[in-house]
Every structure is written in C-alpha cells, then in structure tokens.
Amino acid sequence: MSTHDPGNARGGAKSISVFAWIDARHRFLLDTYDQLLLSPDRKHISRCLYLAHQIQGACKQHKDGLLAALQLNRNPQYQHVKELFVGVLCEQLGQQAGLSPSARLLLICAALTQDIAMLDLQDNKLDRQATGLTEGQRAMIRKHPTGGRRILERAGVKDAVWLEAVEQHHERPDGKGYPQGLAGSEIALSARILTVADVYVAMVRPRGDRPALSPREAIKNIFRMRDEQVDADIARSLADTLGMHPPGSWVRLINDEVGVVTGAGTGHPFPEVAVILSSDGEHLAEPELRDTGIRRFTVAEMVKAPFHFNLSAILSGLWPRLS
C-alpha cells in the first residue's frame, strides 16, 4: 500500500476519532483516483476493495459516528467526502435490502467509483460553479455512467453488482433517466440503492449554485421523488435508517438548548442529543447528553451549526474512537 494507506494512519491499529478516520480515508481515496485514472488496472481496483472493506468494518463499530462525521464535514478541500458518505449509506441501505456482505462490499466500491469518468469536471467546475450547466457539461454528465463502466472494465472489474450500479445510477423508475432509459425493476437493485444514497448526499452538501439542505429537508425531498426519480421502498428505508434527525444534525430543543444529534436514542423521533449551548446561549465546557424522549428536552427545530470556541475538540469526543 502507499504512504496514504489509511491502515497506517496515525500509528496503524491505534484508535482515532471518527473525524480523523474520515480524513485518512479521504486522502487514501484521492490517491486511489489519481492512480486509477493514470493506469486502470487490477492493482488499483484492489485499493477500492480495501477501502470498501474498511468502511464495512467501521460501520460495524459505530455507524452513527461515521454518519455524523460525514454530515458535519464542510471542508471545501474534501470534495470526495461525498463518495465516502454515499459508501457508508450504501452499506446500511444494502443491509436493509437484504444484500449479502460480499454484495454490499461491491456496492460500496460502486459508490466510490460512480463518477470516475467525470472527476476532472466535478473537481474543477461543478462543485464550485454558481451558474447552470453548459451544453458541453450536460453531454459529459450523460456519458459518465457508461464511461465509468468502461474504465472499470479496463481495470479488470467483472462483478455485475459493481458495474451495473455505476452504469445505472442515473436511471429512474419512471424511465426518464440515462443512459439507457431503464424503468422500474429493469434497474438493478444495487443501482437503485446507490441512486437514493447519492441523491441524499448531494442534497445535504453545498454546491456552487446552492446551499446545503438540512438532512430533514433532503429526506422530505426524496420522499416527493419516490416512484418517479427514486425507488419508493429504498426511499422509505433511507428514512428508517437515518430517522427524522440524522446523526450530525444540529437542533434546538424546546428549552432553547442547542446541540448535535449523536444517535437514535430511544428511537424515532427522539434522538440522543449532545447539548453544547445552554438555554441562554452560554458555551458549555463539556457537552451534556439529552434524551429527547423526555418532554422538556423535545427537539423543536433543526438549526445551523452554532459557534463554539472549542467545537472541534468537543465533537471529536462525542463518538467512540475507531481502530
């Protein structure tokens, strides 16, 4: 493995925060893209499988922590955190859909490589472009699913779950997608899962032409798209997996305290919240956990991330460390 091998990050098996874990995997993914585009071969594809295996393992350790770290990450230099986020969601949606561990591994690989044929356009333009797409950009976008499959096949990928998900992740249940205009069950299950995960993550991350939506707004939008743009069953599975207030969401409680959702708590719609601002706006030295199933701690609304002088350190300590 290269010097960017996340298994060697910060001392091999030493445990690190979920944020540091994401940082290390992001660096590894960037290095993988560089090598794969220069020389698509099985050696570089094996790096995708390695990273997918690590994502599966981390989800077993603490999926809420991973989701929170990915949701809270807003560093503009980390353009491919999106692919990691989609991969984590695909692992969880794949479990809900009854996919085997090996099939989920390939689905995560598809999430990591779905846009392999348009990385330059995505990195240099789309993520920062404040205007609409040009005709040339639209043409490139419509070609990238087929182009992605070709790159992967040249690199030695033969797995149908992986290839079909990449080629079909812009198909739509109503038949109005691309590149083949497939509809309903003609679209592979792996692709239908990838589509829902990808649409959700695209909505909750900012782009040049629009701000990020709140997780709750994104889930509502996906529900409105069901049976037309996304699979209805998988849309419902996304809502069940994330809940009304997904990990990493900032919320104001009914008593005016402000905190971040750390996990499911006692169940939907009552997540566990780590409060960092008191009801009078004071910065707490240490976060205080709230069970929002208790009436005086009910979630009132989602809010934007608050300022806190020690925010990074507080967030890093909220979830179990990963090995």
Protein backbone atom coordinates (compact mmCIF):
# COMPACT_ATOMS: atom_id res chain seq x y z
CA MET A 1 0.00 0.00 0.00
CA SER A 2 1.03 3.61 -0.50
CA THR A 3 2.10 6.02 2.19
CA HIS A 4 -1.52 7.16 2.26
CA ASP A 5 -2.74 3.74 3.40
CA PRO A 6 -5.41 4.53 6.00
CA GLY A 7 -4.48 1.40 7.90
CA ASN A 8 -1.19 3.08 8.73
CA ALA A 9 -2.73 6.44 9.58
CA ARG A 10 -1.59 7.70 12.95
CA GLY A 11 0.09 4.53 14.04
CA GLY A 12 -1.65 1.53 12.45
CA ALA A 13 -4.27 -0.01 14.72
CA LYS A 14 -4.24 2.91 17.16
CA SER A 15 -7.78 4.20 17.70
CA ILE A 16 -8.65 7.60 16.27
CA SER A 17 -11.70 9.87 16.25
CA VAL A 18 -14.35 9.36 13.56
CA PHE A 19 -13.25 12.69 12.04
CA ALA A 20 -9.61 11.62 11.81
CA TRP A 21 -10.76 8.29 10.38
CA ILE A 22 -12.67 10.09 7.61
CA ASP A 23 -9.69 12.37 6.92
CA ALA A 24 -7.37 9.40 6.44
CA ARG A 25 -9.79 7.57 4.14
CA HIS A 26 -10.32 10.72 2.12
CA ARG A 27 -6.59 11.01 1.47
CA PHE A 28 -6.44 7.34 0.51
CA LEU A 29 -9.38 7.77 -1.90
CA LEU A 30 -7.77 10.79 -3.60
CA ASP A 31 -4.58 8.80 -4.11
CA THR A 32 -6.62 5.89 -5.49
CA TYR A 33 -8.33 8.13 -8.05
CA ASP A 34 -5.00 9.53 -9.20
CA GLN A 35 -3.55 6.06 -9.73
CA LEU A 36 -6.69 4.58 -11.28
CA LEU A 37 -7.02 7.32 -13.89
CA LEU A 38 -3.32 7.17 -14.79
CA SER A 39 -3.24 3.39 -15.06
CA PRO A 40 -6.54 1.50 -14.70
CA ASP A 41 -5.54 -1.98 -13.60
CA ARG A 42 -6.47 -4.60 -11.01
CA LYS A 43 -3.84 -3.39 -8.55
CA HIS A 44 -5.55 -0.02 -8.24
CA ILE A 45 -9.01 -1.53 -8.19
CA SER A 46 -7.89 -3.61 -5.21
CA ARG A 47 -7.47 -0.32 -3.33
CA CYS A 48 -11.22 0.33 -3.77
CA LEU A 49 -12.00 -3.10 -2.37
CA TYR A 50 -9.65 -2.47 0.55
CA LEU A 51 -11.32 0.86 1.35
CA ALA A 52 -14.79 -0.67 1.00
CA HIS A 53 -13.78 -3.40 3.47
CA GLN A 54 -12.65 -0.72 5.93
CA ILE A 55 -15.95 1.13 5.56
CA GLN A 56 -17.86 -2.07 6.32
CA GLY A 57 -15.78 -2.68 9.41
CA ALA A 58 -16.17 0.89 10.65
CA CYS A 59 -19.95 0.73 10.18
CA LYS A 60 -19.99 -2.31 12.48
CA GLN A 61 -18.04 -0.36 15.10
CA HIS A 62 -20.11 2.82 15.11
CA LYS A 63 -22.31 3.73 12.13
CA ASP A 64 -23.84 6.75 13.87
CA GLY A 65 -20.41 8.24 14.47
CA LEU A 66 -19.46 7.81 10.81
CA LEU A 67 -22.71 9.36 9.60
CA ALA A 68 -22.27 12.28 11.99
CA ALA A 69 -18.67 12.94 10.95
CA LEU A 70 -19.62 12.88 7.28
CA GLN A 71 -22.64 15.11 7.82
CA LEU A 72 -20.63 17.63 9.86
CA ASN A 73 -17.72 17.77 7.40
CA ARG A 74 -17.82 21.03 5.46
CA ASN A 75 -14.18 21.37 4.41
CA PRO A 76 -14.29 22.52 0.74
CA GLN A 77 -10.96 20.78 0.09
CA TYR A 78 -12.61 17.43 0.76
CA GLN A 79 -14.63 17.17 -2.43
CA HIS A 80 -14.64 13.38 -2.36
CA VAL A 81 -16.04 13.08 1.15
CA LYS A 82 -19.29 12.80 -0.83
CA GLU A 83 -18.25 9.42 -2.20
CA LEU A 84 -17.30 8.19 1.27
CA PHE A 85 -20.66 9.39 2.62
CA VAL A 86 -22.51 7.58 -0.17
CA GLY A 87 -20.49 4.43 0.51
CA VAL A 88 -21.42 4.43 4.21
CA LEU A 89 -25.10 4.90 3.35
CA CYS A 90 -24.96 2.13 0.73
CA GLU A 91 -23.63 -0.28 3.35
CA GLN A 92 -26.56 0.49 5.63
CA LEU A 93 -29.23 0.57 2.91
CA GLY A 94 -27.80 -2.64 1.47
CA GLN A 95 -28.27 -4.32 4.85
CA GLN A 96 -31.89 -3.13 4.93
CA ALA A 97 -32.41 -4.56 1.43
CA GLY A 98 -31.03 -7.95 2.46
CA LEU A 99 -27.83 -7.86 0.38
CA SER A 100 -25.05 -10.21 1.45
CA PRO A 101 -21.83 -8.75 2.91
CA SER A 102 -19.97 -9.51 -0.34
CA ALA A 103 -22.64 -7.78 -2.44
CA ARG A 104 -22.57 -4.77 -0.10
CA LEU A 105 -18.79 -4.63 -0.46
CA LEU A 106 -19.16 -4.32 -4.24
CA LEU A 107 -21.92 -1.75 -3.80
CA ILE A 108 -19.59 0.39 -1.67
CA CYS A 109 -16.98 0.09 -4.42
CA ALA A 110 -19.59 1.36 -6.89
CA ALA A 111 -20.28 4.33 -4.61
CA LEU A 112 -16.57 5.17 -4.51
CA THR A 113 -16.20 4.97 -8.31
CA GLN A 114 -19.60 6.13 -9.60
CA ASP A 115 -18.19 9.38 -11.05
CA ILE A 116 -14.78 8.06 -12.10
CA ALA A 117 -15.38 9.19 -15.70
CA MET A 118 -16.05 12.83 -14.79
CA LEU A 119 -13.71 13.54 -11.88
CA ASP A 120 -11.98 16.46 -13.61
CA LEU A 121 -15.27 18.17 -14.37
CA GLN A 122 -16.60 17.53 -10.88
CA ASP A 123 -13.45 18.73 -9.11
CA ASN A 124 -12.68 21.78 -11.22
CA LYS A 125 -16.15 23.04 -12.09
CA LEU A 126 -19.36 21.51 -10.81
CA ASP A 127 -18.74 21.73 -7.07
CA ARG A 128 -17.99 25.47 -7.30
CA GLN A 129 -19.95 26.59 -10.37
CA ALA A 130 -22.59 29.19 -9.49
CA THR A 131 -24.27 29.15 -12.91
CA GLY A 132 -26.25 26.50 -14.75
CA LEU A 133 -24.68 23.66 -16.74
CA THR A 134 -23.37 24.30 -20.24
CA GLU A 135 -24.42 22.00 -23.10
CA GLY A 136 -20.94 20.50 -23.12
CA GLN A 137 -21.13 19.74 -19.41
CA ARG A 138 -24.57 18.17 -19.82
CA ALA A 139 -23.22 15.92 -22.57
CA MET A 140 -20.28 14.84 -20.41
CA ILE A 141 -22.55 14.14 -17.45
CA ARG A 142 -24.87 12.00 -19.57
CA LYS A 143 -21.92 9.96 -20.82
CA HIS A 144 -20.19 9.39 -17.49
CA PRO A 145 -22.13 6.28 -16.34
CA THR A 146 -21.14 4.36 -19.48
CA GLY A 147 -17.64 5.85 -19.43
CA GLY A 148 -17.25 4.84 -15.79
CA ARG A 149 -18.18 1.25 -16.56
CA ARG A 150 -15.60 1.16 -19.38
CA ILE A 151 -12.83 2.46 -17.13
CA LEU A 152 -13.67 -0.15 -14.50
CA GLU A 153 -13.81 -2.95 -17.07
CA ARG A 154 -10.38 -1.91 -18.40
CA ALA A 155 -9.14 -2.09 -14.82
CA GLY A 156 -10.34 -5.69 -14.57
CA VAL A 157 -13.68 -5.32 -12.77
CA LYS A 158 -16.09 -8.10 -13.75
CA ASP A 159 -18.58 -8.01 -10.86
CA ALA A 160 -22.13 -7.26 -12.06
CA VAL A 161 -23.20 -5.61 -8.80
CA TRP A 162 -20.40 -3.06 -9.12
CA LEU A 163 -20.62 -2.45 -12.88
CA GLU A 164 -24.41 -2.24 -13.05
CA ALA A 165 -24.60 0.17 -10.12
CA VAL A 166 -22.11 2.53 -11.76
CA GLU A 167 -23.72 2.34 -15.20
CA GLN A 168 -27.32 2.63 -13.97
CA HIS A 169 -27.15 5.05 -11.04
CA HIS A 170 -28.79 7.82 -13.11
CA GLU A 171 -31.64 5.63 -14.37
CA ARG A 172 -35.09 6.47 -12.95
CA PRO A 173 -38.09 4.33 -12.01
CA ASP A 174 -40.26 6.33 -14.44
CA GLY A 175 -37.92 5.56 -17.36
CA LYS A 176 -36.72 9.15 -17.80
CA GLY A 177 -33.16 8.57 -16.66
CA TYR A 178 -29.99 7.82 -18.61
CA PRO A 179 -28.03 6.33 -20.30
CA GLN A 180 -30.48 3.55 -21.31
CA GLY A 181 -33.88 4.85 -20.16
CA LEU A 182 -34.48 1.79 -17.96
CA ALA A 183 -37.57 1.75 -15.74
CA GLY A 184 -38.73 0.09 -12.51
CA SER A 185 -37.30 -3.38 -11.91
CA GLU A 186 -35.22 -3.16 -15.10
CA ILE A 187 -32.83 -1.13 -12.96
CA ALA A 188 -30.51 -3.29 -10.84
CA LEU A 189 -31.17 -3.23 -7.09
CA SER A 190 -27.58 -2.10 -6.50
CA ALA A 191 -28.15 0.91 -8.76
CA ARG A 192 -31.45 1.80 -7.09
CA ILE A 193 -29.74 1.81 -3.69
CA LEU A 194 -26.81 3.87 -4.99
CA THR A 195 -29.19 6.41 -6.55
CA VAL A 196 -31.01 7.11 -3.29
CA ALA A 197 -27.79 7.39 -1.30
CA ASP A 198 -26.20 9.64 -3.92
CA VAL A 199 -29.20 11.97 -4.22
CA TYR A 200 -29.42 12.36 -0.45
CA VAL A 201 -25.73 13.16 0.00
CA ALA A 202 -25.77 15.60 -2.92
CA MET A 203 -28.61 17.47 -1.23
CA VAL A 204 -27.01 17.76 2.22
CA ARG A 205 -23.66 19.00 0.88
CA PRO A 206 -23.30 22.55 -0.54
CA ARG A 207 -22.55 23.25 -4.19
CA GLY A 208 -21.58 26.40 -6.02
CA ASP A 209 -25.14 27.01 -7.20
CA ARG A 210 -26.96 26.28 -3.93
CA PRO A 211 -26.51 25.86 -0.19
CA ALA A 212 -26.82 22.51 1.56
CA LEU A 213 -30.26 21.34 2.62
CA SER A 214 -30.84 20.14 6.15
CA PRO A 215 -30.98 16.34 6.45
CA ARG A 216 -34.69 16.51 7.22
CA GLU A 217 -35.39 18.64 4.14
CA ALA A 218 -33.39 16.24 1.99
CA ILE A 219 -35.34 13.21 3.23
CA LYS A 220 -38.63 15.03 2.56
CA ASN A 221 -37.49 15.86 -0.97
CA ILE A 222 -36.52 12.26 -1.65
CA PHE A 223 -39.95 11.13 -0.49
CA ARG A 224 -41.51 13.50 -3.01
CA MET A 225 -39.38 11.90 -5.74
CA ARG A 226 -40.38 8.30 -5.00
CA ASP A 227 -41.61 6.15 -7.89
CA GLU A 228 -40.51 8.84 -10.34
CA GLN A 229 -36.85 9.64 -9.67
CA VAL A 230 -36.04 7.16 -6.88
CA ASP A 231 -37.22 3.75 -5.74
CA ALA A 232 -40.04 4.13 -3.19
CA ASP A 233 -39.01 1.19 -0.98
CA ILE A 234 -35.42 2.39 -0.73
CA ALA A 235 -36.58 5.94 -0.03
CA ARG A 236 -38.54 4.59 2.94
CA SER A 237 -35.52 2.56 4.00
CA LEU A 238 -33.40 5.73 3.97
CA ALA A 239 -35.88 7.48 6.27
CA ASP A 240 -35.91 4.45 8.61
CA THR A 241 -32.10 4.28 8.63
CA LEU A 242 -31.47 7.97 9.31
CA GLY A 243 -34.57 8.93 11.29
CA MET A 244 -36.17 12.36 11.37
CA HIS A 245 -32.99 13.89 12.82
CA PRO A 246 -29.95 12.04 11.42
CA PRO A 247 -26.65 11.89 13.33
CA GLY A 248 -24.71 15.11 12.85
CA SER A 249 -27.83 17.29 12.67
CA TRP A 250 -27.81 20.49 14.71
CA VAL A 251 -31.02 21.03 16.69
CA ARG A 252 -32.58 23.44 19.14
CA LEU A 253 -34.51 21.80 21.96
CA ILE A 254 -37.82 23.10 23.31
CA ASN A 255 -35.93 24.54 26.31
CA ASP A 256 -33.71 26.56 23.89
CA GLU A 257 -30.58 24.46 24.39
CA VAL A 258 -28.63 23.79 21.17
CA GLY A 259 -26.82 20.57 20.42
CA VAL A 260 -25.89 17.94 17.86
CA VAL A 261 -27.67 14.62 17.29
CA THR A 262 -25.34 11.80 18.29
CA GLY A 263 -27.57 8.78 17.64
CA ALA A 264 -31.01 7.24 17.58
CA GLY A 265 -31.54 7.47 21.34
CA THR A 266 -34.84 5.90 22.37
CA GLY A 267 -35.94 5.77 18.73
CA HIS A 268 -37.63 7.94 16.11
CA PRO A 269 -38.46 10.76 16.60
CA PHE A 270 -36.49 11.03 19.84
CA PRO A 271 -32.75 11.08 19.09
CA GLU A 272 -29.99 11.45 21.64
CA VAL A 273 -28.56 14.98 21.57
CA ALA A 274 -25.29 16.34 22.96
CA VAL A 275 -26.01 19.90 24.09
CA ILE A 276 -23.16 22.41 23.72
CA LEU A 277 -25.05 25.72 24.22
CA SER A 278 -27.20 26.35 27.26
CA SER A 279 -30.71 27.79 27.03
CA ASP A 280 -29.27 31.29 27.50
CA GLY A 281 -26.61 30.78 24.80
CA GLU A 282 -23.67 30.10 27.11
CA HIS A 283 -20.90 27.80 25.84
CA LEU A 284 -20.80 24.63 27.92
CA ALA A 285 -17.33 23.45 28.92
CA GLU A 286 -18.45 19.84 28.40
CA PRO A 287 -21.37 18.55 26.31
CA GLU A 288 -24.41 17.29 28.18
CA LEU A 289 -26.42 14.40 26.75
CA ARG A 290 -30.19 14.77 26.44
CA ASP A 291 -32.83 12.09 25.89
CA THR A 292 -35.30 13.95 23.67
CA GLY A 293 -37.98 11.44 24.57
CA ILE A 294 -38.27 13.43 27.80
CA ARG A 295 -40.77 16.20 27.24
CA ARG A 296 -38.64 19.11 28.46
CA PHE A 297 -35.87 18.09 26.01
CA THR A 298 -38.06 17.62 22.91
CA VAL A 299 -36.49 18.71 19.60
CA ALA A 300 -38.06 21.99 18.49
CA GLU A 301 -36.28 22.53 15.17
CA MET A 302 -33.14 21.97 13.14
CA VAL A 303 -30.66 24.86 13.14
CA LYS A 304 -27.36 25.82 11.53
CA ALA A 305 -24.09 24.90 13.22
CA PRO A 306 -23.52 27.29 16.15
CA PHE A 307 -20.25 28.97 17.01
CA HIS A 308 -18.38 27.41 19.91
CA PHE A 309 -14.78 28.29 20.74
CA ASN A 310 -13.92 24.62 21.38
CA LEU A 311 -16.22 22.99 18.83
CA SER A 312 -13.75 20.69 17.05
CA ALA A 313 -12.46 19.19 20.28
CA ILE A 314 -15.97 18.70 21.66
CA LEU A 315 -17.23 16.99 18.50
CA SER A 316 -14.21 14.68 18.33
CA GLY A 317 -15.05 13.31 21.76
CA LEU A 318 -18.74 12.63 21.20
CA TRP A 319 -18.47 9.27 19.43
CA PRO A 320 -16.40 6.15 20.17
CA ARG A 321 -12.99 6.07 18.52
CA LEU A 322 -12.38 3.76 15.58
CA SER A 323 -9.45 1.41 15.05
